[in-house]
Amino acid sequence: MNYYEIGQRIRRYRREKGLSQEQLSEKVNISVTHMSHIETGNTKLSLPVLVDIAAVLQVGTDDLLTDKMHNADGEYILKLTTDCTPRQLEFICEIIKTVKNKFPV
């Protein structure tokens, strides 16, 4: 189990919710230092803490434990582009095409 990656997913969802580490740690009833260590992968988090974090962030525990890149990131990209102008969307599409061509699978 890669605790660094779990921590990074927690950080991403926390930021999406507009929460600081302090706010999330308060809602989960752990110290800010402990939350920081979780997000950097410097400590293992317990199952109860994982469940509490998922509840506060309104995601499933599996979203925090595994990289469900296909669905979650697609939804995130959709959310980011919802209020874009047609010109912005065109520019974003060109960037995506360029990156895909530069880094083929």
Protein backbone atom coordinates (compact mmCIF):
# COMPACT_ATOMS: atom_id res chain seq x y z
CA MET A 1 0.00 0.00 0.00
CA ASN A 2 1.47 3.34 -1.06
CA TYR A 3 0.68 5.81 1.71
CA TYR A 4 2.19 8.72 -0.21
CA GLU A 5 -0.28 8.21 -3.07
CA ILE A 6 -3.17 7.89 -0.62
CA GLY A 7 -2.07 11.13 1.01
CA GLN A 8 -1.87 12.87 -2.34
CA ARG A 9 -5.41 11.77 -3.21
CA ILE A 10 -6.62 13.06 0.17
CA ARG A 11 -4.87 16.37 -0.54
CA ARG A 12 -6.46 16.62 -4.00
CA TYR A 13 -9.99 15.96 -2.71
CA ARG A 14 -9.43 18.31 0.25
CA ARG A 15 -8.39 21.12 -2.08
CA GLU A 16 -11.34 20.41 -4.39
CA LYS A 17 -13.61 20.92 -1.38
CA GLY A 18 -11.82 24.18 -0.56
CA LEU A 19 -10.68 22.94 2.84
CA SER A 20 -7.38 23.69 4.53
CA GLN A 21 -5.47 20.98 6.38
CA GLU A 22 -6.53 22.69 9.59
CA GLN A 23 -10.21 22.57 8.69
CA LEU A 24 -10.11 18.93 7.62
CA SER A 25 -8.11 17.84 10.65
CA GLU A 26 -10.58 19.62 12.94
CA LYS A 27 -13.55 17.88 11.29
CA VAL A 28 -11.79 14.50 11.57
CA ASN A 29 -10.63 15.22 15.13
CA ILE A 30 -6.91 14.75 14.55
CA SER A 31 -4.00 17.18 14.85
CA VAL A 32 -2.89 19.31 11.93
CA THR A 33 0.54 17.68 12.19
CA HIS A 34 -1.02 14.24 11.85
CA MET A 35 -3.02 15.40 8.81
CA SER A 36 0.15 16.80 7.26
CA HIS A 37 1.94 13.51 7.85
CA ILE A 38 -0.95 11.60 6.27
CA GLU A 39 -0.90 13.78 3.16
CA THR A 40 2.88 13.43 2.76
CA GLY A 41 2.79 9.69 3.39
CA ASN A 42 5.00 9.99 6.47
CA THR A 43 2.53 8.08 8.62
CA LYS A 44 0.07 5.27 8.15
CA LEU A 45 -3.52 6.25 8.74
CA SER A 46 -5.92 4.08 10.67
CA LEU A 47 -9.10 2.71 9.18
CA PRO A 48 -11.34 4.90 11.41
CA VAL A 49 -9.42 8.03 10.32
CA LEU A 50 -9.64 6.98 6.66
CA VAL A 51 -13.41 6.49 6.99
CA ASP A 52 -13.81 9.88 8.72
CA ILE A 53 -11.74 11.67 6.07
CA ALA A 54 -13.75 10.06 3.27
CA ALA A 55 -17.01 11.09 4.96
CA VAL A 56 -15.92 14.71 5.36
CA LEU A 57 -14.64 14.86 1.77
CA GLN A 58 -17.83 13.12 0.56
CA VAL A 59 -15.94 10.43 -1.35
CA GLY A 60 -15.74 6.68 -0.99
CA THR A 61 -12.83 5.13 0.85
CA ASP A 62 -11.95 3.34 -2.38
CA ASP A 63 -11.49 6.76 -4.02
CA LEU A 64 -8.79 7.49 -1.45
CA LEU A 65 -7.17 4.06 -1.53
CA THR A 66 -6.98 3.49 -5.27
CA ASP A 67 -6.29 5.63 -8.28
CA LYS A 68 -9.57 5.61 -10.16
CA MET A 69 -8.10 7.98 -12.71
CA HIS A 70 -10.53 7.24 -15.51
CA ASN A 71 -13.77 8.30 -13.86
CA ALA A 72 -12.73 10.72 -11.12
CA ASP A 73 -10.29 12.70 -13.24
CA GLY A 74 -12.72 12.82 -16.16
CA GLU A 75 -15.36 14.25 -13.87
CA TYR A 76 -12.80 16.70 -12.49
CA ILE A 77 -11.84 17.87 -15.98
CA LEU A 78 -15.51 18.25 -16.87
CA LYS A 79 -16.05 20.31 -13.72
CA LEU A 80 -13.08 22.53 -14.58
CA THR A 81 -14.30 23.20 -18.11
CA THR A 82 -18.01 23.67 -17.41
CA ASP A 83 -17.88 27.46 -17.43
CA CYS A 84 -15.21 27.88 -20.11
CA THR A 85 -15.80 30.03 -23.16
CA PRO A 86 -15.68 28.35 -26.58
CA ARG A 87 -12.26 29.93 -27.16
CA GLN A 88 -10.96 28.55 -23.86
CA LEU A 89 -12.31 25.07 -24.67
CA GLU A 90 -10.65 25.15 -28.08
CA PHE A 91 -7.34 26.09 -26.48
CA ILE A 92 -7.70 23.35 -23.83
CA CYS A 93 -8.44 20.76 -26.54
CA GLU A 94 -5.32 21.80 -28.46
CA ILE A 95 -3.23 21.41 -25.31
CA ILE A 96 -4.68 17.94 -24.70
CA LYS A 97 -4.00 16.86 -28.29
CA THR A 98 -0.42 18.11 -28.06
CA VAL A 99 0.22 16.29 -24.79
CA LYS A 100 -1.35 13.06 -26.07
CA ASN A 101 0.80 13.18 -29.19
CA LYS A 102 3.93 13.93 -27.19
CA PHE A 103 3.31 11.08 -24.72
CA PRO A 104 1.59 8.23 -26.59
CA VAL A 105 0.38 5.27 -24.55
